[in-house]
């Protein structure tokens, strides 16, 4: 797992879910964070897109089941960006 990605996601999750001590794990999902409801999920996704300067496709979002999946999708999009520049 890329440290930059994890660091960025940790910052975003702590802000969105108002939990300054939140420690992310790859297996963490909405079941593990009390404030992770559907509205918070949308806000988190938008924050991730803004932070990393990426846009998710609907099928990518549908494939994300936990933090590990999110990291994989973000890393893939960042790799695609660097290959296109």
PDB file of N, CA and C in Angstrom:
ATOM      1  N   UNK A   1       0.846  -1.168   0.000  1.00  0.00           N
ATOM      2  CA  UNK A   1       0.000   0.000   0.000  1.00  0.00           C
ATOM      3  C   UNK A   1       0.895   1.235   0.000  1.00  0.00           C
ATOM      4  N   UNK A   2       0.573   2.167  -0.854  1.00  0.00           N
ATOM      5  CA  UNK A   2       1.354   3.392  -0.968  1.00  0.00           C
ATOM      6  C   UNK A   2       1.133   4.271   0.259  1.00  0.00           C
ATOM      7  N   UNK A   3       2.224   4.719   0.864  1.00  0.00           N
ATOM      8  CA  UNK A   3       2.104   5.547   2.058  1.00  0.00           C
ATOM      9  C   UNK A   3       1.420   6.878   1.762  1.00  0.00           C
ATOM     10  N   UNK A   4       1.704   7.480   0.594  1.00  0.00           N
ATOM     11  CA  UNK A   4       1.069   8.754   0.259  1.00  0.00           C
ATOM     12  C   UNK A   4      -0.442   8.603   0.162  1.00  0.00           C
ATOM     13  N   UNK A   5      -0.875   7.517  -0.426  1.00  0.00           N
ATOM     14  CA  UNK A   5      -2.308   7.267  -0.558  1.00  0.00           C
ATOM     15  C   UNK A   5      -2.936   7.050   0.811  1.00  0.00           C
ATOM     16  N   UNK A   6      -2.328   6.205   1.605  1.00  0.00           N
ATOM     17  CA  UNK A   6      -2.852   5.937   2.942  1.00  0.00           C
ATOM     18  C   UNK A   6      -2.857   7.197   3.795  1.00  0.00           C
ATOM     19  N   UNK A   7      -1.791   7.982   3.721  1.00  0.00           N
ATOM     20  CA  UNK A   7      -1.731   9.233   4.487  1.00  0.00           C
ATOM     21  C   UNK A   7      -2.846  10.182   4.068  1.00  0.00           C
ATOM     22  N   UNK A   8      -3.058  10.322   2.773  1.00  0.00           N
ATOM     23  CA  UNK A   8      -4.117  11.197   2.278  1.00  0.00           C
ATOM     24  C   UNK A   8      -5.493  10.715   2.695  1.00  0.00           C
ATOM     25  N   UNK A   9      -5.729   9.399   2.564  1.00  0.00           N
ATOM     26  CA  UNK A   9      -7.025   8.848   2.956  1.00  0.00           C
ATOM     27  C   UNK A   9      -7.248   8.978   4.453  1.00  0.00           C
ATOM     28  N   UNK A  10      -6.209   8.794   5.230  1.00  0.00           N
ATOM     29  CA  UNK A  10      -6.339   8.945   6.685  1.00  0.00           C
ATOM     30  C   UNK A  10      -6.768  10.362   7.034  1.00  0.00           C
ATOM     31  N   UNK A  11      -6.129  11.337   6.402  1.00  0.00           N
ATOM     32  CA  UNK A  11      -6.486  12.745   6.629  1.00  0.00           C
ATOM     33  C   UNK A  11      -7.952  13.000   6.267  1.00  0.00           C
ATOM     34  N   UNK A  12      -8.366  12.479   5.127  1.00  0.00           N
ATOM     35  CA  UNK A  12      -9.745  12.660   4.653  1.00  0.00           C
ATOM     36  C   UNK A  12     -10.740  11.982   5.598  1.00  0.00           C
ATOM     37  N   UNK A  13     -10.489  10.739   5.948  1.00  0.00           N
ATOM     38  CA  UNK A  13     -11.404   9.994   6.822  1.00  0.00           C
ATOM     39  C   UNK A  13     -11.530  10.670   8.182  1.00  0.00           C
ATOM     40  N   UNK A  14     -10.411  11.115   8.727  1.00  0.00           N
ATOM     41  CA  UNK A  14     -10.461  11.779  10.041  1.00  0.00           C
ATOM     42  C   UNK A  14     -11.301  13.042   9.977  1.00  0.00           C
ATOM     43  N   UNK A  15     -11.201  13.779   8.879  1.00  0.00           N
ATOM     44  CA  UNK A  15     -11.970  15.020   8.721  1.00  0.00           C
ATOM     45  C   UNK A  15     -13.457  14.708   8.511  1.00  0.00           C
ATOM     46  N   UNK A  16     -13.752  13.847   7.536  1.00  0.00           N
ATOM     47  CA  UNK A  16     -15.145  13.561   7.178  1.00  0.00           C
ATOM     48  C   UNK A  16     -15.905  12.916   8.333  1.00  0.00           C
ATOM     49  N   UNK A  17     -15.265  11.980   9.031  1.00  0.00           N
ATOM     50  CA  UNK A  17     -15.943  11.246  10.088  1.00  0.00           C
ATOM     51  C   UNK A  17     -15.704  11.856  11.468  1.00  0.00           C
ATOM     52  N   UNK A  18     -15.032  13.006  11.499  1.00  0.00           N
ATOM     53  CA  UNK A  18     -14.779  13.755  12.747  1.00  0.00           C
ATOM     54  C   UNK A  18     -14.192  12.852  13.832  1.00  0.00           C
ATOM     55  N   UNK A  19     -13.199  12.063  13.424  1.00  0.00           N
ATOM     56  CA  UNK A  19     -12.513  11.160  14.362  1.00  0.00           C
ATOM     57  C   UNK A  19     -11.006  11.363  14.202  1.00  0.00           C
ATOM     58  N   UNK A  20     -10.417  12.305  14.953  1.00  0.00           N
ATOM     59  CA  UNK A  20      -9.006  12.648  14.777  1.00  0.00           C
ATOM     60  C   UNK A  20      -8.030  11.505  15.021  1.00  0.00           C
ATOM     61  N   UNK A  21      -8.417  10.502  15.766  1.00  0.00           N
ATOM     62  CA  UNK A  21      -7.524   9.389  16.050  1.00  0.00           C
ATOM     63  C   UNK A  21      -7.761   8.158  15.195  1.00  0.00           C
ATOM     64  N   UNK A  22      -8.615   8.276  14.188  1.00  0.00           N
ATOM     65  CA  UNK A  22      -8.976   7.128  13.358  1.00  0.00           C
ATOM     66  C   UNK A  22      -7.744   6.547  12.667  1.00  0.00           C
ATOM     67  N   UNK A  23      -7.573   5.237  12.790  1.00  0.00           N
ATOM     68  CA  UNK A  23      -6.471   4.529  12.142  1.00  0.00           C
ATOM     69  C   UNK A  23      -7.076   3.618  11.078  1.00  0.00           C
ATOM     70  N   UNK A  24      -6.703   3.853   9.818  1.00  0.00           N
ATOM     71  CA  UNK A  24      -7.260   3.065   8.725  1.00  0.00           C
ATOM     72  C   UNK A  24      -6.548   1.728   8.593  1.00  0.00           C
ATOM     73  N   UNK A  25      -7.331   0.716   8.241  1.00  0.00           N
ATOM     74  CA  UNK A  25      -6.789  -0.585   7.853  1.00  0.00           C
ATOM     75  C   UNK A  25      -7.411  -0.958   6.515  1.00  0.00           C
ATOM     76  N   UNK A  26      -6.757  -1.840   5.785  1.00  0.00           N
ATOM     77  CA  UNK A  26      -7.268  -2.230   4.472  1.00  0.00           C
ATOM     78  C   UNK A  26      -8.641  -2.893   4.564  1.00  0.00           C
ATOM     79  N   UNK A  27      -8.917  -3.576   5.649  1.00  0.00           N
ATOM     80  CA  UNK A  27     -10.189  -4.294   5.786  1.00  0.00           C
ATOM     81  C   UNK A  27     -11.316  -3.423   6.339  1.00  0.00           C
ATOM     82  N   UNK A  28     -10.992  -2.203   6.762  1.00  0.00           N
ATOM     83  CA  UNK A  28     -12.005  -1.318   7.338  1.00  0.00           C
ATOM     84  C   UNK A  28     -13.080  -0.997   6.304  1.00  0.00           C
ATOM     85  N   UNK A  29     -14.330  -1.007   6.780  1.00  0.00           N
ATOM     86  CA  UNK A  29     -15.464  -0.668   5.915  1.00  0.00           C
ATOM     87  C   UNK A  29     -16.449   0.186   6.705  1.00  0.00           C
ATOM     88  N   UNK A  30     -17.558   0.497   6.081  1.00  0.00           N
ATOM     89  CA  UNK A  30     -18.569   1.339   6.735  1.00  0.00           C
ATOM     90  C   UNK A  30     -19.091   0.699   8.021  1.00  0.00           C
ATOM     91  N   UNK A  31     -18.999  -0.616   8.141  1.00  0.00           N
ATOM     92  CA  UNK A  31     -19.453  -1.308   9.350  1.00  0.00           C
ATOM     93  C   UNK A  31     -18.576  -0.994  10.559  1.00  0.00           C
ATOM     94  N   UNK A  32     -17.342  -0.523  10.280  1.00  0.00           N
ATOM     95  CA  UNK A  32     -16.371  -0.296  11.349  1.00  0.00           C
ATOM     96  C   UNK A  32     -16.329   1.143  11.869  1.00  0.00           C
ATOM     97  N   UNK A  33     -16.996   2.047  11.167  1.00  0.00           N
ATOM     98  CA  UNK A  33     -16.959   3.465  11.547  1.00  0.00           C
ATOM     99  C   UNK A  33     -18.391   3.935  11.771  1.00  0.00           C
ATOM    100  N   UNK A  34     -18.693   4.297  12.998  1.00  0.00           N
ATOM    101  CA  UNK A  34     -20.067   4.626  13.384  1.00  0.00           C
ATOM    102  C   UNK A  34     -20.687   5.719  12.506  1.00  0.00           C
ATOM    103  N   UNK A  35     -19.921   6.731  12.171  1.00  0.00           N
ATOM    104  CA  UNK A  35     -20.464   7.876  11.419  1.00  0.00           C
ATOM    105  C   UNK A  35     -20.437   7.675   9.911  1.00  0.00           C
ATOM    106  N   UNK A  36     -20.069   6.504   9.438  1.00  0.00           N
ATOM    107  CA  UNK A  36     -19.959   6.238   8.002  1.00  0.00           C
ATOM    108  C   UNK A  36     -21.320   5.791   7.476  1.00  0.00           C
ATOM    109  N   UNK A  37     -22.170   6.765   7.195  1.00  0.00           N
ATOM    110  CA  UNK A  37     -23.474   6.486   6.597  1.00  0.00           C
ATOM    111  C   UNK A  37     -23.437   6.885   5.128  1.00  0.00           C
ATOM    112  N   UNK A  38     -24.573   6.828   4.453  1.00  0.00           N
ATOM    113  CA  UNK A  38     -24.585   7.080   3.011  1.00  0.00           C
ATOM    114  C   UNK A  38     -24.192   8.518   2.672  1.00  0.00           C
ATOM    115  N   UNK A  39     -24.624   9.477   3.457  1.00  0.00           N
ATOM    116  CA  UNK A  39     -24.252  10.867   3.188  1.00  0.00           C
ATOM    117  C   UNK A  39     -22.760  11.086   3.431  1.00  0.00           C
ATOM    118  N   UNK A  40     -22.249  10.568   4.518  1.00  0.00           N
ATOM    119  CA  UNK A  40     -20.813  10.687   4.808  1.00  0.00           C
ATOM    120  C   UNK A  40     -19.994   9.984   3.734  1.00  0.00           C
ATOM    121  N   UNK A  41     -20.520   8.896   3.193  1.00  0.00           N
ATOM    122  CA  UNK A  41     -19.819   8.177   2.122  1.00  0.00           C
ATOM    123  C   UNK A  41     -19.678   9.071   0.889  1.00  0.00           C
ATOM    124  N   UNK A  42     -20.754   9.729   0.512  1.00  0.00           N
ATOM    125  CA  UNK A  42     -20.701  10.639  -0.649  1.00  0.00           C
ATOM    126  C   UNK A  42     -19.717  11.777  -0.414  1.00  0.00           C
ATOM    127  N   UNK A  43     -19.739  12.337   0.768  1.00  0.00           N
ATOM    128  CA  UNK A  43     -18.811  13.418   1.109  1.00  0.00           C
ATOM    129  C   UNK A  43     -17.376  12.910   1.058  1.00  0.00           C
ATOM    130  N   UNK A  44     -17.131  11.732   1.602  1.00  0.00           N
ATOM    131  CA  UNK A  44     -15.789  11.149   1.600  1.00  0.00           C
ATOM    132  C   UNK A  44     -15.290  10.923   0.177  1.00  0.00           C
ATOM    133  N   UNK A  45     -16.141  10.385  -0.690  1.00  0.00           N
ATOM    134  CA  UNK A  45     -15.746  10.136  -2.080  1.00  0.00           C
ATOM    135  C   UNK A  45     -15.386  11.452  -2.769  1.00  0.00           C
ATOM    136  N   UNK A  46     -16.199  12.480  -2.565  1.00  0.00           N
ATOM    137  CA  UNK A  46     -15.908  13.785  -3.167  1.00  0.00           C
ATOM    138  C   UNK A  46     -14.588  14.356  -2.631  1.00  0.00           C
ATOM    139  N   UNK A  47     -14.358  14.199  -1.341  1.00  0.00           N
ATOM    140  CA  UNK A  47     -13.100  14.663  -0.734  1.00  0.00           C
ATOM    141  C   UNK A  47     -11.900  13.914  -1.316  1.00  0.00           C
ATOM    142  N   UNK A  48     -12.050  12.618  -1.537  1.00  0.00           N
ATOM    143  CA  UNK A  48     -10.965  11.823  -2.133  1.00  0.00           C
ATOM    144  C   UNK A  48     -10.682  12.317  -3.561  1.00  0.00           C
ATOM    145  N   UNK A  49     -11.737  12.535  -4.335  1.00  0.00           N
ATOM    146  CA  UNK A  49     -11.558  13.032  -5.703  1.00  0.00           C
ATOM    147  C   UNK A  49     -10.840  14.379  -5.700  1.00  0.00           C
ATOM    148  N   UNK A  50     -11.241  15.260  -4.820  1.00  0.00           N
ATOM    149  CA  UNK A  50     -10.636  16.593  -4.749  1.00  0.00           C
ATOM    150  C   UNK A  50      -9.183  16.509  -4.294  1.00  0.00           C
ATOM    151  N   UNK A  51      -8.921  15.763  -3.254  1.00  0.00           N
ATOM    152  CA  UNK A  51      -7.574  15.657  -2.668  1.00  0.00           C
ATOM    153  C   UNK A  51      -6.576  15.097  -3.675  1.00  0.00           C
ATOM    154  N   UNK A  52      -6.974  14.031  -4.379  1.00  0.00           N
ATOM    155  CA  UNK A  52      -6.061  13.352  -5.299  1.00  0.00           C
ATOM    156  C   UNK A  52      -6.190  13.828  -6.748  1.00  0.00           C
ATOM    157  N   UNK A  53      -7.105  14.768  -7.009  1.00  0.00           N
ATOM    158  CA  UNK A  53      -7.330  15.294  -8.369  1.00  0.00           C
ATOM    159  C   UNK A  53      -7.688  14.168  -9.337  1.00  0.00           C
ATOM    160  N   UNK A  54      -8.664  13.356  -8.924  1.00  0.00           N
ATOM    161  CA  UNK A  54      -9.138  12.241  -9.738  1.00  0.00           C
ATOM    162  C   UNK A  54     -10.661  12.279  -9.795  1.00  0.00           C
ATOM    163  N   UNK A  55     -11.222  11.483 -10.700  1.00  0.00           N
ATOM    164  CA  UNK A  55     -12.679  11.292 -10.761  1.00  0.00           C
ATOM    165  C   UNK A  55     -12.960   9.807 -10.854  1.00  0.00           C
ATOM    166  N   UNK A  56     -13.896   9.361 -10.051  1.00  0.00           N
ATOM    167  CA  UNK A  56     -14.283   7.957 -10.081  1.00  0.00           C
ATOM    168  C   UNK A  56     -15.400   7.738 -11.085  1.00  0.00           C
ATOM    169  N   UNK A  57     -15.383   6.575 -11.712  1.00  0.00           N
ATOM    170  CA  UNK A  57     -16.489   6.138 -12.544  1.00  0.00           C
ATOM    171  C   UNK A  57     -17.427   5.329 -11.647  1.00  0.00           C
ATOM    172  N   UNK A  58     -18.683   5.265 -12.029  1.00  0.00           N
ATOM    173  CA  UNK A  58     -19.684   4.558 -11.235  1.00  0.00           C
ATOM    174  C   UNK A  58     -19.260   3.110 -10.984  1.00  0.00           C
ATOM    175  N   UNK A  59     -18.754   2.428 -11.994  1.00  0.00           N
ATOM    176  CA  UNK A  59     -18.364   1.019 -11.820  1.00  0.00           C
ATOM    177  C   UNK A  59     -17.196   0.883 -10.844  1.00  0.00           C
ATOM    178  N   UNK A  60     -16.317   1.884 -10.802  1.00  0.00           N
ATOM    179  CA  UNK A  60     -15.219   1.851  -9.831  1.00  0.00           C
ATOM    180  C   UNK A  60     -15.773   1.980  -8.413  1.00  0.00           C
ATOM    181  N   UNK A  61     -16.704   2.896  -8.250  1.00  0.00           N
ATOM    182  CA  UNK A  61     -17.304   3.083  -6.926  1.00  0.00           C
ATOM    183  C   UNK A  61     -18.039   1.830  -6.469  1.00  0.00           C
ATOM    184  N   UNK A  62     -18.698   1.165  -7.405  1.00  0.00           N
ATOM    185  CA  UNK A  62     -19.445  -0.050  -7.064  1.00  0.00           C
ATOM    186  C   UNK A  62     -18.521  -1.186  -6.640  1.00  0.00           C
ATOM    187  N   UNK A  63     -17.264  -1.131  -7.063  1.00  0.00           N
ATOM    188  CA  UNK A  63     -16.318  -2.209  -6.739  1.00  0.00           C
ATOM    189  C   UNK A  63     -15.646  -2.019  -5.376  1.00  0.00           C
ATOM    190  N   UNK A  64     -15.826  -0.860  -4.774  1.00  0.00           N
ATOM    191  CA  UNK A  64     -15.146  -0.557  -3.505  1.00  0.00           C
ATOM    192  C   UNK A  64     -15.975  -1.080  -2.337  1.00  0.00           C
ATOM    193  N   UNK A  65     -15.404  -2.055  -1.636  1.00  0.00           N
ATOM    194  CA  UNK A  65     -16.080  -2.652  -0.482  1.00  0.00           C
ATOM    195  C   UNK A  65     -15.428  -2.286   0.838  1.00  0.00           C
ATOM    196  N   UNK A  66     -14.171  -1.824   0.774  1.00  0.00           N
ATOM    197  CA  UNK A  66     -13.445  -1.487   1.993  1.00  0.00           C
ATOM    198  C   UNK A  66     -12.308  -0.516   1.667  1.00  0.00           C
ATOM    199  N   UNK A  67     -11.552  -0.122   2.660  1.00  0.00           N
ATOM    200  CA  UNK A  67     -10.469   0.843   2.469  1.00  0.00           C
ATOM    201  C   UNK A  67      -9.403   0.288   1.524  1.00  0.00           C
ATOM    202  N   UNK A  68      -9.114  -0.995   1.615  1.00  0.00           N
ATOM    203  CA  UNK A  68      -8.123  -1.605   0.718  1.00  0.00           C
ATOM    204  C   UNK A  68      -8.527  -1.464  -0.742  1.00  0.00           C
ATOM    205  N   UNK A  69      -9.807  -1.683  -1.039  1.00  0.00           N
ATOM    206  CA  UNK A  69     -10.303  -1.505  -2.409  1.00  0.00           C
ATOM    207  C   UNK A  69     -10.157  -0.050  -2.843  1.00  0.00           C
ATOM    208  N   UNK A  70     -10.471   0.869  -1.949  1.00  0.00           N
ATOM    209  CA  UNK A  70     -10.359   2.297  -2.250  1.00  0.00           C
ATOM    210  C   UNK A  70      -8.908   2.656  -2.564  1.00  0.00           C
ATOM    211  N   UNK A  71      -7.988   2.145  -1.774  1.00  0.00           N
ATOM    212  CA  UNK A  71      -6.569   2.412  -2.011  1.00  0.00           C
ATOM    213  C   UNK A  71      -6.160   1.907  -3.397  1.00  0.00           C
ATOM    214  N   UNK A  72      -6.589   0.703  -3.749  1.00  0.00           N
ATOM    215  CA  UNK A  72      -6.254   0.132  -5.057  1.00  0.00           C
ATOM    216  C   UNK A  72      -6.776   0.991  -6.207  1.00  0.00           C
ATOM    217  N   UNK A  73      -8.021   1.440  -6.090  1.00  0.00           N
ATOM    218  CA  UNK A  73      -8.610   2.258  -7.145  1.00  0.00           C
ATOM    219  C   UNK A  73      -7.891   3.604  -7.242  1.00  0.00           C
ATOM    220  N   UNK A  74      -7.631   4.242  -6.104  1.00  0.00           N
ATOM    221  CA  UNK A  74      -6.921   5.531  -6.110  1.00  0.00           C
ATOM    222  C   UNK A  74      -5.525   5.356  -6.709  1.00  0.00           C
ATOM    223  N   UNK A  75      -4.785   4.343  -6.259  1.00  0.00           N
ATOM    224  CA  UNK A  75      -3.435   4.110  -6.787  1.00  0.00           C
ATOM    225  C   UNK A  75      -3.456   3.867  -8.287  1.00  0.00           C
ATOM    226  N   UNK A  76      -4.437   3.102  -8.760  1.00  0.00           N
ATOM    227  CA  UNK A  76      -4.566   2.830 -10.186  1.00  0.00           C
ATOM    228  C   UNK A  76      -4.812   4.113 -10.973  1.00  0.00           C
ATOM    229  N   UNK A  77      -5.688   4.965 -10.462  1.00  0.00           N
ATOM    230  CA  UNK A  77      -5.997   6.224 -11.140  1.00  0.00           C
ATOM    231  C   UNK A  77      -4.783   7.153 -11.128  1.00  0.00           C
ATOM    232  N   UNK A  78      -4.052   7.186 -10.034  1.00  0.00           N
ATOM    233  CA  UNK A  78      -2.855   8.021  -9.959  1.00  0.00           C
ATOM    234  C   UNK A  78      -1.777   7.517 -10.911  1.00  0.00           C
ATOM    235  N   UNK A  79      -1.654   6.208 -11.027  1.00  0.00           N
ATOM    236  CA  UNK A  79      -0.688   5.621 -11.959  1.00  0.00           C
ATOM    237  C   UNK A  79      -1.067   5.974 -13.395  1.00  0.00           C
ATOM    238  N   UNK A  80      -2.358   5.865 -13.720  1.00  0.00           N
ATOM    239  CA  UNK A  80      -2.834   6.231 -15.059  1.00  0.00           C
ATOM    240  C   UNK A  80      -2.532   7.694 -15.369  1.00  0.00           C
ATOM    241  N   UNK A  81      -2.731   8.571 -14.365  1.00  0.00           N
ATOM    242  CA  UNK A  81      -2.452   9.998 -14.554  1.00  0.00           C
ATOM    243  C   UNK A  81      -0.976  10.225 -14.859  1.00  0.00           C
ATOM    244  N   UNK A  82      -0.092   9.573 -14.111  1.00  0.00           N
ATOM    245  CA  UNK A  82       1.339   9.796 -14.304  1.00  0.00           C
ATOM    246  C   UNK A  82       1.802   9.214 -15.638  1.00  0.00           C
ATOM    247  N   UNK A  83       1.146   8.150 -16.128  1.00  0.00           N
ATOM    248  CA  UNK A  83       1.495   7.588 -17.411  1.00  0.00           C
ATOM    249  C   UNK A  83       1.013   8.445 -18.581  1.00  0.00           C
ATOM    250  N   UNK A  84      -0.012   9.250 -18.331  1.00  0.00           N
ATOM    251  CA  UNK A  84      -0.574  10.092 -19.391  1.00  0.00           C
ATOM    252  C   UNK A  84       0.084  11.466 -19.456  1.00  0.00           C
ATOM    253  N   UNK A  85       1.000  11.769 -18.532  1.00  0.00           N
ATOM    254  CA  UNK A  85       1.660  13.083 -18.537  1.00  0.00           C
ATOM    255  C   UNK A  85       3.063  12.983 -19.003  1.00  0.00           C
TER     256      UNK A  85
END
